[in-house]
Amino acid sequence: MDIVLLNVEGTPRPQPRPRLCRGRVVSTADANARRWKDQIQATGKLAVEAHGQIQAQAVAVVMRFDMPTDKADRHGKPHTFRPDADNLAKLALDAIMTAGLLKDDAAVSTLVVTKTWAAKGALTMTLHLDDRTPSPVPADRFPDWIA
């Protein structure tokens, strides 16, 4: 499997989550999240045409979300506000599954997600075979600092 690179421009949006309010489930879905997911899906479909569906048993995914701001002094620094990194990643993984690039996101064995301030919003995602080698420390032995 080659490295698959996706670049999607736009303001990253999180996966909407249902909320409980006064004993009722309330949808938090919004049109901006739907448009963002559609953009990722369209880019994922182009990757499927170029590379085919990823068939690997274990896939490593690295995502960088550029969160837009006009404040130039923030550019390149970590973004520590909402939306949460895990919710951004969930929407992106769901979108590439819908596009057919990844059959099942359960195959993602390594996931690295960063959020960074930037002049323009975007998502840069790479997917590749997770070919980690076993740790040199035996699985039945813990480091000395673990009591």
N, C-alpha and C. Protein backbone atom coordinates (compact mmCIF):
# COMPACT_ATOMS: atom_id res chain seq x y z
N MET A 1 0.84 -1.18 0.00
CA MET A 1 0.00 0.00 0.00
C MET A 1 0.88 1.24 0.00
N ASP A 2 0.61 2.14 -0.90
CA ASP A 2 1.31 3.42 -0.94
C ASP A 2 0.73 4.35 0.12
N ILE A 3 1.40 5.46 0.30
CA ILE A 3 0.85 6.50 1.17
C ILE A 3 -0.23 7.23 0.39
N VAL A 4 -1.38 7.38 1.00
CA VAL A 4 -2.48 8.12 0.40
C VAL A 4 -2.55 9.46 1.12
N LEU A 5 -2.54 10.55 0.38
CA LEU A 5 -2.57 11.90 0.94
C LEU A 5 -3.83 12.61 0.51
N LEU A 6 -4.56 13.14 1.47
CA LEU A 6 -5.76 13.93 1.19
C LEU A 6 -5.56 15.34 1.71
N ASN A 7 -5.91 16.33 0.91
CA ASN A 7 -5.89 17.73 1.32
C ASN A 7 -7.28 18.29 1.07
N VAL A 8 -7.90 18.79 2.13
CA VAL A 8 -9.25 19.34 2.02
C VAL A 8 -9.22 20.74 2.61
N GLU A 9 -9.61 21.73 1.81
CA GLU A 9 -9.65 23.11 2.29
C GLU A 9 -11.03 23.42 2.84
N GLY A 10 -11.07 24.20 3.90
CA GLY A 10 -12.33 24.59 4.52
C GLY A 10 -12.18 24.60 6.03
N THR A 11 -13.19 25.04 6.71
CA THR A 11 -13.16 25.10 8.16
C THR A 11 -13.54 23.74 8.74
N PRO A 12 -12.62 23.09 9.45
CA PRO A 12 -12.91 21.78 10.03
C PRO A 12 -14.09 21.85 11.00
N ARG A 13 -14.93 20.84 10.92
CA ARG A 13 -16.11 20.75 11.76
C ARG A 13 -16.12 19.39 12.47
N PRO A 14 -16.66 19.33 13.68
CA PRO A 14 -16.71 18.05 14.42
C PRO A 14 -17.91 17.20 14.01
N GLN A 15 -17.83 15.93 14.38
CA GLN A 15 -18.96 15.03 14.20
C GLN A 15 -20.07 15.47 15.14
N PRO A 16 -21.26 15.78 14.62
CA PRO A 16 -22.36 16.15 15.52
C PRO A 16 -22.72 14.97 16.43
N ARG A 17 -23.00 15.28 17.67
CA ARG A 17 -23.36 14.25 18.65
C ARG A 17 -24.74 14.56 19.20
N PRO A 18 -25.58 13.53 19.35
CA PRO A 18 -26.88 13.77 19.99
C PRO A 18 -26.66 14.13 21.47
N ARG A 19 -27.49 15.02 21.98
CA ARG A 19 -27.40 15.46 23.37
C ARG A 19 -28.71 15.17 24.09
N LEU A 20 -28.61 14.96 25.37
CA LEU A 20 -29.80 14.74 26.18
C LEU A 20 -30.18 16.07 26.83
N CYS A 21 -31.40 16.51 26.60
CA CYS A 21 -31.88 17.77 27.14
C CYS A 21 -33.30 17.56 27.68
N ARG A 22 -33.44 17.73 28.99
CA ARG A 22 -34.74 17.55 29.65
C ARG A 22 -35.37 16.19 29.33
N GLY A 23 -34.55 15.16 29.35
CA GLY A 23 -35.04 13.81 29.14
C GLY A 23 -35.26 13.43 27.69
N ARG A 24 -34.91 14.31 26.75
CA ARG A 24 -35.09 14.01 25.33
C ARG A 24 -33.75 14.10 24.61
N VAL A 25 -33.63 13.27 23.59
CA VAL A 25 -32.44 13.32 22.76
C VAL A 25 -32.62 14.42 21.72
N VAL A 26 -31.63 15.33 21.66
CA VAL A 26 -31.69 16.46 20.74
C VAL A 26 -30.53 16.36 19.76
N SER A 27 -30.81 16.52 18.49
CA SER A 27 -29.78 16.46 17.46
C SER A 27 -28.97 17.76 17.45
N THR A 28 -27.65 17.62 17.29
CA THR A 28 -26.79 18.80 17.18
C THR A 28 -26.26 18.95 15.76
N ALA A 29 -26.85 18.24 14.81
CA ALA A 29 -26.41 18.29 13.42
C ALA A 29 -26.56 19.70 12.88
N ASP A 30 -25.58 20.12 12.08
CA ASP A 30 -25.70 21.43 11.45
C ASP A 30 -25.25 21.35 10.00
N ALA A 31 -25.68 22.32 9.22
CA ALA A 31 -25.39 22.32 7.79
C ALA A 31 -23.90 22.46 7.51
N ASN A 32 -23.17 23.18 8.36
CA ASN A 32 -21.73 23.35 8.14
C ASN A 32 -20.99 22.03 8.28
N ALA A 33 -21.39 21.20 9.25
CA ALA A 33 -20.77 19.89 9.42
C ALA A 33 -21.08 19.01 8.20
N ARG A 34 -22.28 19.08 7.70
CA ARG A 34 -22.67 18.30 6.52
C ARG A 34 -21.85 18.72 5.31
N ARG A 35 -21.66 20.01 5.10
CA ARG A 35 -20.85 20.49 3.97
C ARG A 35 -19.39 20.05 4.10
N TRP A 36 -18.85 20.14 5.33
CA TRP A 36 -17.46 19.72 5.57
C TRP A 36 -17.30 18.23 5.28
N LYS A 37 -18.25 17.42 5.75
CA LYS A 37 -18.19 15.99 5.51
C LYS A 37 -18.28 15.70 4.01
N ASP A 38 -19.14 16.43 3.29
CA ASP A 38 -19.26 16.25 1.84
C ASP A 38 -17.95 16.58 1.12
N GLN A 39 -17.24 17.61 1.60
CA GLN A 39 -15.95 17.96 1.00
C GLN A 39 -14.93 16.84 1.19
N ILE A 40 -14.89 16.30 2.39
CA ILE A 40 -13.95 15.20 2.67
C ILE A 40 -14.31 13.98 1.83
N GLN A 41 -15.61 13.68 1.73
CA GLN A 41 -16.07 12.54 0.92
C GLN A 41 -15.66 12.72 -0.54
N ALA A 42 -15.84 13.90 -1.09
CA ALA A 42 -15.49 14.14 -2.49
C ALA A 42 -13.99 13.92 -2.71
N THR A 43 -13.17 14.39 -1.77
CA THR A 43 -11.73 14.19 -1.88
C THR A 43 -11.39 12.72 -1.71
N GLY A 44 -12.10 12.04 -0.82
CA GLY A 44 -11.89 10.60 -0.63
C GLY A 44 -12.23 9.80 -1.87
N LYS A 45 -13.30 10.19 -2.58
CA LYS A 45 -13.68 9.50 -3.82
C LYS A 45 -12.61 9.67 -4.88
N LEU A 46 -11.99 10.84 -4.95
CA LEU A 46 -10.89 11.04 -5.90
C LEU A 46 -9.72 10.12 -5.55
N ALA A 47 -9.46 9.95 -4.27
CA ALA A 47 -8.38 9.05 -3.84
C ALA A 47 -8.70 7.61 -4.18
N VAL A 48 -9.97 7.22 -4.07
CA VAL A 48 -10.38 5.85 -4.44
C VAL A 48 -10.13 5.63 -5.93
N GLU A 49 -10.47 6.63 -6.75
CA GLU A 49 -10.22 6.51 -8.20
C GLU A 49 -8.74 6.37 -8.50
N ALA A 50 -7.89 7.06 -7.75
CA ALA A 50 -6.45 7.03 -7.99
C ALA A 50 -5.76 5.82 -7.38
N HIS A 51 -6.20 5.37 -6.20
CA HIS A 51 -5.49 4.32 -5.45
C HIS A 51 -6.31 3.06 -5.22
N GLY A 52 -7.63 3.15 -5.36
CA GLY A 52 -8.49 2.03 -5.00
C GLY A 52 -8.75 2.04 -3.50
N GLN A 53 -9.58 1.10 -3.06
CA GLN A 53 -9.89 1.01 -1.63
C GLN A 53 -8.69 0.45 -0.87
N ILE A 54 -8.44 0.99 0.29
CA ILE A 54 -7.34 0.52 1.13
C ILE A 54 -7.74 -0.84 1.70
N GLN A 55 -6.92 -1.85 1.42
CA GLN A 55 -7.23 -3.22 1.83
C GLN A 55 -6.40 -3.70 3.02
N ALA A 56 -5.52 -2.85 3.53
CA ALA A 56 -4.61 -3.27 4.60
C ALA A 56 -5.36 -3.68 5.86
N GLN A 57 -4.78 -4.64 6.58
CA GLN A 57 -5.34 -5.10 7.85
C GLN A 57 -5.16 -4.05 8.94
N ALA A 58 -4.04 -3.31 8.88
CA ALA A 58 -3.72 -2.29 9.88
C ALA A 58 -3.30 -1.02 9.15
N VAL A 59 -3.98 0.08 9.45
CA VAL A 59 -3.74 1.34 8.76
C VAL A 59 -3.35 2.40 9.78
N ALA A 60 -2.30 3.17 9.46
CA ALA A 60 -1.89 4.31 10.27
C ALA A 60 -2.44 5.57 9.59
N VAL A 61 -3.09 6.41 10.38
CA VAL A 61 -3.69 7.64 9.87
C VAL A 61 -3.13 8.82 10.65
N VAL A 62 -2.69 9.83 9.93
CA VAL A 62 -2.21 11.07 10.54
C VAL A 62 -3.07 12.19 9.99
N MET A 63 -3.68 12.97 10.89
CA MET A 63 -4.54 14.09 10.49
C MET A 63 -4.02 15.38 11.11
N ARG A 64 -3.94 16.41 10.28
CA ARG A 64 -3.62 17.74 10.79
C ARG A 64 -4.78 18.66 10.42
N PHE A 65 -5.43 19.19 11.43
CA PHE A 65 -6.51 20.14 11.21
C PHE A 65 -5.97 21.54 11.39
N ASP A 66 -6.05 22.35 10.35
CA ASP A 66 -5.67 23.76 10.43
C ASP A 66 -6.93 24.54 10.76
N MET A 67 -6.93 25.17 11.93
CA MET A 67 -8.09 25.91 12.40
C MET A 67 -7.88 27.39 12.06
N PRO A 68 -8.78 27.98 11.29
CA PRO A 68 -8.55 29.34 10.79
C PRO A 68 -8.67 30.43 11.86
N THR A 69 -7.76 31.40 11.76
CA THR A 69 -7.81 32.59 12.59
C THR A 69 -7.12 33.73 11.86
N ASP A 70 -7.60 34.95 12.10
CA ASP A 70 -6.97 36.14 11.53
C ASP A 70 -5.78 36.61 12.36
N LYS A 71 -5.63 36.07 13.57
CA LYS A 71 -4.56 36.49 14.48
C LYS A 71 -3.25 35.81 14.09
N ALA A 72 -2.41 36.52 13.36
CA ALA A 72 -1.17 35.95 12.82
C ALA A 72 -0.23 35.44 13.91
N ASP A 73 -0.28 36.02 15.10
CA ASP A 73 0.61 35.58 16.17
C ASP A 73 0.27 34.17 16.67
N ARG A 74 -0.92 33.67 16.34
CA ARG A 74 -1.32 32.31 16.71
C ARG A 74 -0.91 31.27 15.68
N HIS A 75 -0.65 31.67 14.44
CA HIS A 75 -0.39 30.72 13.36
C HIS A 75 0.75 29.78 13.72
N GLY A 76 0.48 28.48 13.52
CA GLY A 76 1.48 27.45 13.80
C GLY A 76 1.46 26.95 15.23
N LYS A 77 0.69 27.59 16.10
CA LYS A 77 0.63 27.17 17.50
C LYS A 77 -0.51 26.18 17.69
N PRO A 78 -0.45 25.37 18.76
CA PRO A 78 -1.51 24.40 19.01
C PRO A 78 -2.86 25.07 19.23
N HIS A 79 -3.89 24.46 18.71
CA HIS A 79 -5.27 24.91 18.89
C HIS A 79 -5.84 24.12 20.05
N THR A 80 -6.19 24.79 21.15
CA THR A 80 -6.63 24.10 22.36
C THR A 80 -8.07 24.42 22.75
N PHE A 81 -8.86 24.84 21.78
CA PHE A 81 -10.25 25.16 22.02
C PHE A 81 -11.13 24.12 21.34
N ARG A 82 -12.44 24.24 21.54
CA ARG A 82 -13.38 23.38 20.82
C ARG A 82 -13.34 23.76 19.35
N PRO A 83 -13.53 22.83 18.46
CA PRO A 83 -13.97 21.46 18.64
C PRO A 83 -12.84 20.54 19.09
N ASP A 84 -13.22 19.46 19.74
CA ASP A 84 -12.27 18.48 20.24
C ASP A 84 -11.66 17.69 19.08
N ALA A 85 -10.40 17.33 19.24
CA ALA A 85 -9.68 16.60 18.19
C ALA A 85 -10.35 15.27 17.84
N ASP A 86 -10.86 14.55 18.85
CA ASP A 86 -11.48 13.24 18.58
C ASP A 86 -12.76 13.38 17.76
N ASN A 87 -13.53 14.44 17.98
CA ASN A 87 -14.75 14.64 17.21
C ASN A 87 -14.44 15.07 15.77
N LEU A 88 -13.37 15.84 15.59
CA LEU A 88 -12.94 16.20 14.23
C LEU A 88 -12.50 14.93 13.48
N ALA A 89 -11.73 14.08 14.14
CA ALA A 89 -11.23 12.86 13.52
C ALA A 89 -12.37 11.91 13.18
N LYS A 90 -13.36 11.80 14.05
CA LYS A 90 -14.48 10.89 13.81
C LYS A 90 -15.22 11.26 12.54
N LEU A 91 -15.52 12.55 12.35
CA LEU A 91 -16.21 12.97 11.14
C LEU A 91 -15.37 12.64 9.90
N ALA A 92 -14.06 12.91 9.97
CA ALA A 92 -13.18 12.65 8.82
C ALA A 92 -13.11 11.16 8.49
N LEU A 93 -12.99 10.31 9.50
CA LEU A 93 -12.95 8.86 9.26
C LEU A 93 -14.27 8.35 8.70
N ASP A 94 -15.38 8.84 9.24
CA ASP A 94 -16.69 8.45 8.70
C ASP A 94 -16.82 8.85 7.24
N ALA A 95 -16.31 10.04 6.89
CA ALA A 95 -16.42 10.54 5.52
C ALA A 95 -15.60 9.69 4.54
N ILE A 96 -14.38 9.29 4.94
CA ILE A 96 -13.58 8.48 4.00
C ILE A 96 -14.12 7.06 3.89
N MET A 97 -14.80 6.57 4.95
CA MET A 97 -15.47 5.27 4.84
C MET A 97 -16.63 5.36 3.87
N THR A 98 -17.43 6.40 3.97
CA THR A 98 -18.57 6.60 3.07
C THR A 98 -18.09 6.74 1.63
N ALA A 99 -16.93 7.38 1.45
CA ALA A 99 -16.36 7.55 0.11
C ALA A 99 -15.83 6.23 -0.46
N GLY A 100 -15.62 5.24 0.41
CA GLY A 100 -15.12 3.95 -0.06
C GLY A 100 -13.61 3.80 0.00
N LEU A 101 -12.91 4.79 0.55
CA LEU A 101 -11.45 4.72 0.63
C LEU A 101 -11.02 3.70 1.68
N LEU A 102 -11.74 3.65 2.78
CA LEU A 102 -11.44 2.74 3.87
C LEU A 102 -12.70 1.92 4.11
N LYS A 103 -12.56 0.59 4.09
CA LYS A 103 -13.74 -0.26 4.26
C LYS A 103 -14.33 -0.14 5.66
N ASP A 104 -13.45 -0.12 6.68
CA ASP A 104 -13.92 -0.05 8.05
C ASP A 104 -12.88 0.69 8.87
N ASP A 105 -13.30 1.68 9.64
CA ASP A 105 -12.32 2.44 10.42
C ASP A 105 -11.78 1.64 11.61
N ALA A 106 -12.29 0.43 11.82
CA ALA A 106 -11.70 -0.45 12.82
C ALA A 106 -10.29 -0.88 12.40
N ALA A 107 -9.96 -0.77 11.12
CA ALA A 107 -8.63 -1.11 10.63
C ALA A 107 -7.59 -0.06 11.01
N VAL A 108 -8.03 1.08 11.51
CA VAL A 108 -7.09 2.13 11.92
C VAL A 108 -6.49 1.72 13.26
N SER A 109 -5.20 1.35 13.23
CA SER A 109 -4.52 0.88 14.43
C SER A 109 -3.64 1.96 15.04
N THR A 110 -3.32 2.99 14.25
CA THR A 110 -2.58 4.14 14.74
C THR A 110 -3.30 5.38 14.24
N LEU A 111 -3.57 6.30 15.15
CA LEU A 111 -4.25 7.55 14.78
C LEU A 111 -3.55 8.70 15.49
N VAL A 112 -3.04 9.63 14.69
CA VAL A 112 -2.39 10.82 15.23
C VAL A 112 -3.19 12.02 14.74
N VAL A 113 -3.65 12.85 15.67
CA VAL A 113 -4.47 14.00 15.32
C VAL A 113 -3.87 15.25 15.95
N THR A 114 -3.66 16.28 15.14
CA THR A 114 -3.20 17.56 15.66
C THR A 114 -4.14 18.66 15.18
N LYS A 115 -4.28 19.69 16.02
CA LYS A 115 -5.04 20.89 15.67
C LYS A 115 -4.09 22.06 15.80
N THR A 116 -4.01 22.87 14.76
CA THR A 116 -3.07 23.98 14.72
C THR A 116 -3.77 25.22 14.20
N TRP A 117 -3.44 26.36 14.78
CA TRP A 117 -3.95 27.63 14.24
C TRP A 117 -3.30 27.90 12.90
N ALA A 118 -4.06 28.46 11.96
CA ALA A 118 -3.54 28.75 10.62
C ALA A 118 -4.34 29.89 10.00
N ALA A 119 -3.80 30.43 8.92
CA ALA A 119 -4.48 31.52 8.20
C ALA A 119 -5.76 31.01 7.54
N LYS A 120 -5.72 29.77 7.04
CA LYS A 120 -6.87 29.17 6.36
C LYS A 120 -7.15 27.80 6.95
N GLY A 121 -8.43 27.44 6.99
CA GLY A 121 -8.81 26.14 7.50
C GLY A 121 -8.55 25.05 6.49
N ALA A 122 -8.16 23.88 6.99
CA ALA A 122 -7.88 22.74 6.10
C ALA A 122 -7.70 21.47 6.91
N LEU A 123 -7.74 20.36 6.20
CA LEU A 123 -7.41 19.05 6.75
C LEU A 123 -6.37 18.43 5.83
N THR A 124 -5.27 17.99 6.40
CA THR A 124 -4.29 17.19 5.67
C THR A 124 -4.27 15.83 6.35
N MET A 125 -4.52 14.78 5.56
CA MET A 125 -4.60 13.43 6.10
C MET A 125 -3.72 12.50 5.28
N THR A 126 -2.95 11.68 5.96
CA THR A 126 -2.20 10.62 5.28
C THR A 126 -2.64 9.28 5.85
N LEU A 127 -2.70 8.30 4.96
CA LEU A 127 -3.04 6.93 5.35
C LEU A 127 -1.96 6.03 4.77
N HIS A 128 -1.46 5.10 5.57
CA HIS A 128 -0.47 4.14 5.07
C HIS A 128 -0.51 2.88 5.92
N LEU A 129 0.13 1.85 5.43
CA LEU A 129 0.21 0.58 6.13
C LEU A 129 0.87 0.78 7.49
N ASP A 130 0.26 0.26 8.54
CA ASP A 130 0.85 0.32 9.87
C ASP A 130 1.73 -0.91 10.02
N ASP A 131 3.01 -0.71 9.75
CA ASP A 131 3.95 -1.83 9.76
C ASP A 131 4.88 -1.77 10.97
N ARG A 132 4.32 -1.41 12.11
CA ARG A 132 5.13 -1.34 13.33
C ARG A 132 5.75 -2.70 13.63
N THR A 133 6.92 -2.66 14.17
CA THR A 133 7.57 -3.89 14.62
C THR A 133 7.28 -4.06 16.11
N PRO A 134 7.30 -5.29 16.58
CA PRO A 134 7.02 -5.51 18.00
C PRO A 134 8.02 -4.76 18.89
N SER A 135 7.55 -4.36 20.05
CA SER A 135 8.38 -3.66 21.01
C SER A 135 9.50 -4.58 21.51
N PRO A 136 10.69 -4.02 21.75
CA PRO A 136 11.77 -4.87 22.26
C PRO A 136 11.53 -5.32 23.70
N VAL A 137 10.60 -4.69 24.40
CA VAL A 137 10.28 -5.09 25.78
C VAL A 137 9.26 -6.21 25.71
N PRO A 138 9.54 -7.38 26.33
CA PRO A 138 8.56 -8.47 26.31
C PRO A 138 7.22 -8.01 26.88
N ALA A 139 6.15 -8.52 26.31
CA ALA A 139 4.81 -8.10 26.71
C ALA A 139 4.52 -8.42 28.17
N ASP A 140 5.19 -9.43 28.74
CA ASP A 140 4.92 -9.80 30.13
C ASP A 140 5.83 -9.06 31.13
N ARG A 141 6.61 -8.11 30.64
CA ARG A 141 7.53 -7.37 31.52
C ARG A 141 7.19 -5.89 31.47
N PHE A 142 6.97 -5.29 32.61
CA PHE A 142 6.68 -3.87 32.69
C PHE A 142 7.96 -3.10 33.01
N PRO A 143 8.03 -1.84 32.61
CA PRO A 143 9.19 -1.03 33.01
C PRO A 143 9.28 -0.92 34.53
N ASP A 144 10.49 -0.69 35.03
CA ASP A 144 10.72 -0.64 36.47
C ASP A 144 9.92 0.43 37.18
N TRP A 145 9.60 1.52 36.51
CA TRP A 145 8.89 2.62 37.17
C TRP A 145 7.42 2.33 37.40
N ILE A 146 6.92 1.23 36.82
CA ILE A 146 5.53 0.84 37.07
C ILE A 146 5.51 -0.10 38.27
N ALA A 147 4.85 0.33 39.33
CA ALA A 147 4.85 -0.50 40.56
C ALA A 147 3.67 -1.42 40.57
